[in-house]
Amino acid sequence: MRSKTDSREKILNVAAMLFQLKGYNATGLNEILKVSGSPKGSLYYYFPNGKEELALEAIHLASTSIQARLQIVLDKYPNPIEAIQNLIKNIMEDFKKESKPIGFSISLIALETYLSSQPLREACSESFTDLQTMYVKKLVQSGIEKEIAKELGTFIQIIIEGAITVSLTHRSDEIFLTVSNQIKILLTPYLNNKI
């Protein structure tokens, strides 16, 4: 039974990686099978509804991984400015190593599928909302009023996703430094005398 689970997990992990790297449309099922080393019939055995079902689970897997990484950083630093700046630093270091959006963003699949697949759009939307909620929670814990924290959390999510996209496009990590500096300027007035 374990080998069946391992085979399914291999397919899912490879799909999550390829969807983050190449997008939904550019990733073929044969490529997923080849990279995962799985036999041809196994994909439809584990994912009987095909590519969209696989993509939904891959988005969930990637989102869970991204949230876990974010939670580690948020827990490590009591000050939300330090926490978010260190998150940006971690993304920047990963970017320097890989120059690929694997493990820190589902933006490519979100942009590619928002018009073509309602289930995939909703899964990506839920993932982005979960990340925003994590930022909001951290800001509220730091003493920021909930309504203001909601706006700030949304904005932080937007600028980090935007920084990832622009950095990949320019093949430069300088945008992360700009975002990191601006996070401090943005949040400091809200946190004075609260931490």
C-alpha atoms as a PDB file:
ATOM      1  CA  MET A   1       0.000   0.000   0.000  1.00  0.00           C
ATOM      2  CA  ARG A   2       2.886   2.352   0.784  1.00  0.00           C
ATOM      3  CA  SER A   3       4.235   2.173  -2.800  1.00  0.00           C
ATOM      4  CA  LYS A   4       0.829   3.271  -4.113  1.00  0.00           C
ATOM      5  CA  THR A   5       0.893   6.272  -1.784  1.00  0.00           C
ATOM      6  CA  ASP A   6       4.503   7.004  -2.757  1.00  0.00           C
ATOM      7  CA  SER A   7       3.647   6.866  -6.458  1.00  0.00           C
ATOM      8  CA  ARG A   8       0.686   9.214  -5.981  1.00  0.00           C
ATOM      9  CA  GLU A   9       2.814  11.612  -3.908  1.00  0.00           C
ATOM     10  CA  LYS A  10       5.583  11.556  -6.538  1.00  0.00           C
ATOM     11  CA  ILE A  11       3.102  12.493  -9.268  1.00  0.00           C
ATOM     12  CA  LEU A  12       1.593  15.217  -7.087  1.00  0.00           C
ATOM     13  CA  ASN A  13       4.955  16.695  -6.049  1.00  0.00           C
ATOM     14  CA  VAL A  14       6.254  16.743  -9.621  1.00  0.00           C
ATOM     15  CA  ALA A  15       3.008  18.303 -10.851  1.00  0.00           C
ATOM     16  CA  ALA A  16       3.173  21.007  -8.156  1.00  0.00           C
ATOM     17  CA  MET A  17       6.773  21.783  -9.096  1.00  0.00           C
ATOM     18  CA  LEU A  18       6.123  21.879 -12.850  1.00  0.00           C
ATOM     19  CA  PHE A  19       2.918  23.926 -12.546  1.00  0.00           C
ATOM     20  CA  GLN A  20       4.797  26.517 -10.445  1.00  0.00           C
ATOM     21  CA  LEU A  21       7.717  26.516 -12.873  1.00  0.00           C
ATOM     22  CA  LYS A  22       6.037  26.283 -16.284  1.00  0.00           C
ATOM     23  CA  GLY A  23       2.369  26.944 -15.665  1.00  0.00           C
ATOM     24  CA  TYR A  24      -0.697  24.822 -16.194  1.00  0.00           C
ATOM     25  CA  ASN A  25      -0.951  24.845 -19.994  1.00  0.00           C
ATOM     26  CA  ALA A  26       2.754  24.311 -20.666  1.00  0.00           C
ATOM     27  CA  THR A  27       2.907  21.284 -18.379  1.00  0.00           C
ATOM     28  CA  GLY A  28       1.773  18.103 -20.073  1.00  0.00           C
ATOM     29  CA  LEU A  29       0.617  14.963 -18.357  1.00  0.00           C
ATOM     30  CA  ASN A  30       3.272  12.911 -20.175  1.00  0.00           C
ATOM     31  CA  GLU A  31       5.955  15.250 -18.813  1.00  0.00           C
ATOM     32  CA  ILE A  32       4.613  14.822 -15.269  1.00  0.00           C
ATOM     33  CA  LEU A  33       4.695  11.042 -15.680  1.00  0.00           C
ATOM     34  CA  LYS A  34       8.185  11.087 -17.184  1.00  0.00           C
ATOM     35  CA  VAL A  35       9.707  13.326 -14.499  1.00  0.00           C
ATOM     36  CA  SER A  36       7.983  11.408 -11.694  1.00  0.00           C
ATOM     37  CA  GLY A  37       8.993   8.057 -13.182  1.00  0.00           C
ATOM     38  CA  SER A  38       5.410   6.829 -12.970  1.00  0.00           C
ATOM     39  CA  PRO A  39       3.706   4.438 -15.383  1.00  0.00           C
ATOM     40  CA  LYS A  40       1.242   5.934 -17.841  1.00  0.00           C
ATOM     41  CA  GLY A  41      -1.936   4.484 -16.333  1.00  0.00           C
ATOM     42  CA  SER A  42      -1.112   5.660 -12.815  1.00  0.00           C
ATOM     43  CA  LEU A  43      -2.071   9.276 -13.359  1.00  0.00           C
ATOM     44  CA  TYR A  44      -5.704   8.509 -14.141  1.00  0.00           C
ATOM     45  CA  TYR A  45      -5.743   5.833 -11.459  1.00  0.00           C
ATOM     46  CA  TYR A  46      -4.852   8.413  -8.779  1.00  0.00           C
ATOM     47  CA  PHE A  47      -6.509  11.397 -10.457  1.00  0.00           C
ATOM     48  CA  PRO A  48      -9.481   9.985 -12.395  1.00  0.00           C
ATOM     49  CA  ASN A  49     -10.756  13.447 -13.342  1.00  0.00           C
ATOM     50  CA  GLY A  50      -7.496  14.280 -15.076  1.00  0.00           C
ATOM     51  CA  LYS A  51      -5.268  17.297 -15.183  1.00  0.00           C
ATOM     52  CA  GLU A  52      -7.594  19.754 -13.476  1.00  0.00           C
ATOM     53  CA  GLU A  53      -8.034  17.452 -10.468  1.00  0.00           C
ATOM     54  CA  LEU A  54      -4.272  16.993 -10.296  1.00  0.00           C
ATOM     55  CA  ALA A  55      -3.750  20.761 -10.536  1.00  0.00           C
ATOM     56  CA  LEU A  56      -6.233  21.419  -7.721  1.00  0.00           C
ATOM     57  CA  GLU A  57      -4.343  19.071  -5.427  1.00  0.00           C
ATOM     58  CA  ALA A  58      -1.009  20.498  -6.589  1.00  0.00           C
ATOM     59  CA  ILE A  59      -2.177  24.042  -5.765  1.00  0.00           C
ATOM     60  CA  HIS A  60      -3.249  22.853  -2.319  1.00  0.00           C
ATOM     61  CA  LEU A  61       0.115  21.126  -1.780  1.00  0.00           C
ATOM     62  CA  ALA A  62       2.094  24.189  -2.912  1.00  0.00           C
ATOM     63  CA  SER A  63      -0.076  26.502  -0.836  1.00  0.00           C
ATOM     64  CA  THR A  64       0.367  24.375   2.284  1.00  0.00           C
ATOM     65  CA  SER A  65       4.134  24.392   1.778  1.00  0.00           C
ATOM     66  CA  ILE A  66       4.254  28.173   1.257  1.00  0.00           C
ATOM     67  CA  GLN A  67       2.112  28.745   4.355  1.00  0.00           C
ATOM     68  CA  ALA A  68       4.331  26.467   6.455  1.00  0.00           C
ATOM     69  CA  ARG A  69       7.419  28.410   5.400  1.00  0.00           C
ATOM     70  CA  LEU A  70       5.696  31.698   6.169  1.00  0.00           C
ATOM     71  CA  GLN A  71       4.511  30.480   9.580  1.00  0.00           C
ATOM     72  CA  ILE A  72       8.050  29.492  10.594  1.00  0.00           C
ATOM     73  CA  VAL A  73       9.270  33.033   9.899  1.00  0.00           C
ATOM     74  CA  LEU A  74       6.261  34.713  11.526  1.00  0.00           C
ATOM     75  CA  ASP A  75       6.744  32.593  14.654  1.00  0.00           C
ATOM     76  CA  LYS A  76      10.487  33.242  14.816  1.00  0.00           C
ATOM     77  CA  TYR A  77      10.276  37.053  14.851  1.00  0.00           C
ATOM     78  CA  PRO A  78       7.876  38.809  17.268  1.00  0.00           C
ATOM     79  CA  ASN A  79       8.238  42.095  15.375  1.00  0.00           C
ATOM     80  CA  PRO A  80       6.184  41.882  12.141  1.00  0.00           C
ATOM     81  CA  ILE A  81       8.614  44.159  10.301  1.00  0.00           C
ATOM     82  CA  GLU A  82      11.512  41.816  11.074  1.00  0.00           C
ATOM     83  CA  ALA A  83       9.373  38.798  10.243  1.00  0.00           C
ATOM     84  CA  ILE A  84       8.287  40.097   6.843  1.00  0.00           C
ATOM     85  CA  GLN A  85      11.749  41.410   6.008  1.00  0.00           C
ATOM     86  CA  ASN A  86      13.214  37.991   6.832  1.00  0.00           C
ATOM     87  CA  LEU A  87      10.564  36.296   4.719  1.00  0.00           C
ATOM     88  CA  ILE A  88      11.568  38.552   1.827  1.00  0.00           C
ATOM     89  CA  LYS A  89      15.233  37.757   2.513  1.00  0.00           C
ATOM     90  CA  ASN A  90      14.451  34.013   2.384  1.00  0.00           C
ATOM     91  CA  ILE A  91      12.589  34.400  -0.902  1.00  0.00           C
ATOM     92  CA  MET A  92      15.459  36.477  -2.279  1.00  0.00           C
ATOM     93  CA  GLU A  93      18.000  33.807  -1.265  1.00  0.00           C
ATOM     94  CA  ASP A  94      15.877  31.086  -2.880  1.00  0.00           C
ATOM     95  CA  PHE A  95      15.574  33.237  -5.974  1.00  0.00           C
ATOM     96  CA  LYS A  96      19.375  33.628  -6.135  1.00  0.00           C
ATOM     97  CA  LYS A  97      19.814  29.858  -5.897  1.00  0.00           C
ATOM     98  CA  GLU A  98      17.046  28.794  -8.249  1.00  0.00           C
ATOM     99  CA  SER A  99      15.764  31.792 -10.270  1.00  0.00           C
ATOM    100  CA  LYS A 100      12.473  29.886 -10.267  1.00  0.00           C
ATOM    101  CA  PRO A 101       9.189  30.473  -8.428  1.00  0.00           C
ATOM    102  CA  ILE A 102       9.126  26.968  -6.954  1.00  0.00           C
ATOM    103  CA  GLY A 103       8.153  26.883  -3.317  1.00  0.00           C
ATOM    104  CA  PHE A 104       7.130  30.486  -2.796  1.00  0.00           C
ATOM    105  CA  SER A 105       4.428  31.443  -5.295  1.00  0.00           C
ATOM    106  CA  ILE A 106       1.478  30.070  -7.252  1.00  0.00           C
ATOM    107  CA  SER A 107       1.101  33.289  -9.241  1.00  0.00           C
ATOM    108  CA  LEU A 108       1.881  31.728 -12.609  1.00  0.00           C
ATOM    109  CA  ILE A 109      -0.879  29.135 -12.404  1.00  0.00           C
ATOM    110  CA  ALA A 110      -3.257  31.766 -10.961  1.00  0.00           C
ATOM    111  CA  LEU A 111      -2.665  34.167 -13.840  1.00  0.00           C
ATOM    112  CA  GLU A 112      -2.876  31.446 -16.434  1.00  0.00           C
ATOM    113  CA  THR A 113      -6.092  29.791 -15.281  1.00  0.00           C
ATOM    114  CA  TYR A 114      -8.276  32.551 -13.834  1.00  0.00           C
ATOM    115  CA  LEU A 115     -10.399  32.719 -17.015  1.00  0.00           C
ATOM    116  CA  SER A 116     -10.252  29.099 -18.110  1.00  0.00           C
ATOM    117  CA  SER A 117     -11.011  27.185 -14.909  1.00  0.00           C
ATOM    118  CA  GLN A 118     -13.284  28.332 -12.117  1.00  0.00           C
ATOM    119  CA  PRO A 119     -12.114  25.576  -9.722  1.00  0.00           C
ATOM    120  CA  LEU A 120      -8.445  26.452 -10.261  1.00  0.00           C
ATOM    121  CA  ARG A 121      -9.159  30.187  -9.914  1.00  0.00           C
ATOM    122  CA  GLU A 122     -10.985  29.536  -6.652  1.00  0.00           C
ATOM    123  CA  ALA A 123      -8.153  27.341  -5.334  1.00  0.00           C
ATOM    124  CA  CYS A 124      -5.604  30.061  -6.106  1.00  0.00           C
ATOM    125  CA  SER A 125      -7.849  32.712  -4.585  1.00  0.00           C
ATOM    126  CA  GLU A 126      -8.179  30.657  -1.416  1.00  0.00           C
ATOM    127  CA  SER A 127      -4.408  30.245  -1.259  1.00  0.00           C
ATOM    128  CA  PHE A 128      -3.835  34.000  -1.555  1.00  0.00           C
ATOM    129  CA  THR A 129      -6.518  34.680   1.072  1.00  0.00           C
ATOM    130  CA  ASP A 130      -4.891  32.203   3.477  1.00  0.00           C
ATOM    131  CA  LEU A 131      -1.561  34.011   3.136  1.00  0.00           C
ATOM    132  CA  GLN A 132      -3.203  37.407   3.661  1.00  0.00           C
ATOM    133  CA  THR A 133      -4.891  36.051   6.781  1.00  0.00           C
ATOM    134  CA  MET A 134      -1.527  34.992   8.166  1.00  0.00           C
ATOM    135  CA  TYR A 135      -0.148  38.516   7.722  1.00  0.00           C
ATOM    136  CA  VAL A 136      -3.294  40.002   9.273  1.00  0.00           C
ATOM    137  CA  LYS A 137      -3.033  37.716  12.297  1.00  0.00           C
ATOM    138  CA  LYS A 138       0.603  38.718  12.833  1.00  0.00           C
ATOM    139  CA  LEU A 139      -0.256  42.414  12.611  1.00  0.00           C
ATOM    140  CA  VAL A 140      -3.207  42.088  15.000  1.00  0.00           C
ATOM    141  CA  GLN A 141      -0.983  40.215  17.471  1.00  0.00           C
ATOM    142  CA  SER A 142       1.371  43.195  17.266  1.00  0.00           C
ATOM    143  CA  GLY A 143      -1.373  45.561  18.365  1.00  0.00           C
ATOM    144  CA  ILE A 144      -2.662  46.886  15.056  1.00  0.00           C
ATOM    145  CA  GLU A 145      -6.427  47.396  14.831  1.00  0.00           C
ATOM    146  CA  LYS A 146      -8.091  44.537  12.934  1.00  0.00           C
ATOM    147  CA  GLU A 147      -9.557  46.617  10.065  1.00  0.00           C
ATOM    148  CA  ILE A 148      -6.231  48.356   9.425  1.00  0.00           C
ATOM    149  CA  ALA A 149      -4.407  45.014   9.722  1.00  0.00           C
ATOM    150  CA  LYS A 150      -6.714  43.546   7.043  1.00  0.00           C
ATOM    151  CA  GLU A 151      -5.777  46.280   4.583  1.00  0.00           C
ATOM    152  CA  LEU A 152      -2.093  46.046   5.442  1.00  0.00           C
ATOM    153  CA  GLY A 153      -2.113  42.238   5.205  1.00  0.00           C
ATOM    154  CA  THR A 154      -3.711  42.394   1.778  1.00  0.00           C
ATOM    155  CA  PHE A 155      -1.209  45.007   0.646  1.00  0.00           C
ATOM    156  CA  ILE A 156       1.744  42.983   1.954  1.00  0.00           C
ATOM    157  CA  GLN A 157       0.532  39.904   0.071  1.00  0.00           C
ATOM    158  CA  ILE A 158       0.122  41.947  -3.117  1.00  0.00           C
ATOM    159  CA  ILE A 159       3.572  43.544  -2.979  1.00  0.00           C
ATOM    160  CA  ILE A 160       5.337  40.272  -2.204  1.00  0.00           C
ATOM    161  CA  GLU A 161       3.583  38.472  -5.090  1.00  0.00           C
ATOM    162  CA  GLY A 162       4.336  41.456  -7.319  1.00  0.00           C
ATOM    163  CA  ALA A 163       7.979  41.460  -6.261  1.00  0.00           C
ATOM    164  CA  ILE A 164       8.276  37.783  -7.162  1.00  0.00           C
ATOM    165  CA  THR A 165       6.794  38.391 -10.614  1.00  0.00           C
ATOM    166  CA  VAL A 166       8.920  41.472 -11.349  1.00  0.00           C
ATOM    167  CA  SER A 167      12.094  39.823 -10.028  1.00  0.00           C
ATOM    168  CA  LEU A 168      11.573  36.773 -12.215  1.00  0.00           C
ATOM    169  CA  THR A 169      10.832  38.976 -15.219  1.00  0.00           C
ATOM    170  CA  HIS A 170      13.901  41.178 -14.715  1.00  0.00           C
ATOM    171  CA  ARG A 171      16.023  38.286 -13.444  1.00  0.00           C
ATOM    172  CA  SER A 172      17.102  40.538 -10.610  1.00  0.00           C
ATOM    173  CA  ASP A 173      16.600  40.410  -6.862  1.00  0.00           C
ATOM    174  CA  GLU A 174      16.861  44.191  -6.386  1.00  0.00           C
ATOM    175  CA  ILE A 175      13.082  44.577  -6.218  1.00  0.00           C
ATOM    176  CA  PHE A 176      13.085  42.480  -3.029  1.00  0.00           C
ATOM    177  CA  LEU A 177      15.398  45.002  -1.368  1.00  0.00           C
ATOM    178  CA  THR A 178      13.034  47.808  -2.330  1.00  0.00           C
ATOM    179  CA  VAL A 179      10.026  45.929  -0.950  1.00  0.00           C
ATOM    180  CA  SER A 180      11.886  45.099   2.256  1.00  0.00           C
ATOM    181  CA  ASN A 181      12.787  48.770   2.798  1.00  0.00           C
ATOM    182  CA  GLN A 182       9.239  49.901   2.059  1.00  0.00           C
ATOM    183  CA  ILE A 183       7.730  47.356   4.486  1.00  0.00           C
ATOM    184  CA  LYS A 184       9.579  49.099   7.307  1.00  0.00           C
ATOM    185  CA  ILE A 185       8.384  52.534   6.166  1.00  0.00           C
ATOM    186  CA  LEU A 186       4.812  51.243   5.781  1.00  0.00           C
ATOM    187  CA  LEU A 187       4.484  49.468   9.113  1.00  0.00           C
ATOM    188  CA  THR A 188       6.572  51.586  11.499  1.00  0.00           C
ATOM    189  CA  PRO A 189       3.894  54.269  12.118  1.00  0.00           C
ATOM    190  CA  TYR A 190       1.357  51.566  13.027  1.00  0.00           C
ATOM    191  CA  LEU A 191       3.732  49.798  15.403  1.00  0.00           C
ATOM    192  CA  ASN A 192       5.273  52.719  17.331  1.00  0.00           C
ATOM    193  CA  ASN A 193       4.861  52.071  21.058  1.00  0.00           C
ATOM    194  CA  LYS A 194       3.088  48.731  20.407  1.00  0.00           C
ATOM    195  CA  ILE A 195       5.970  46.290  20.378  1.00  0.00           C
END
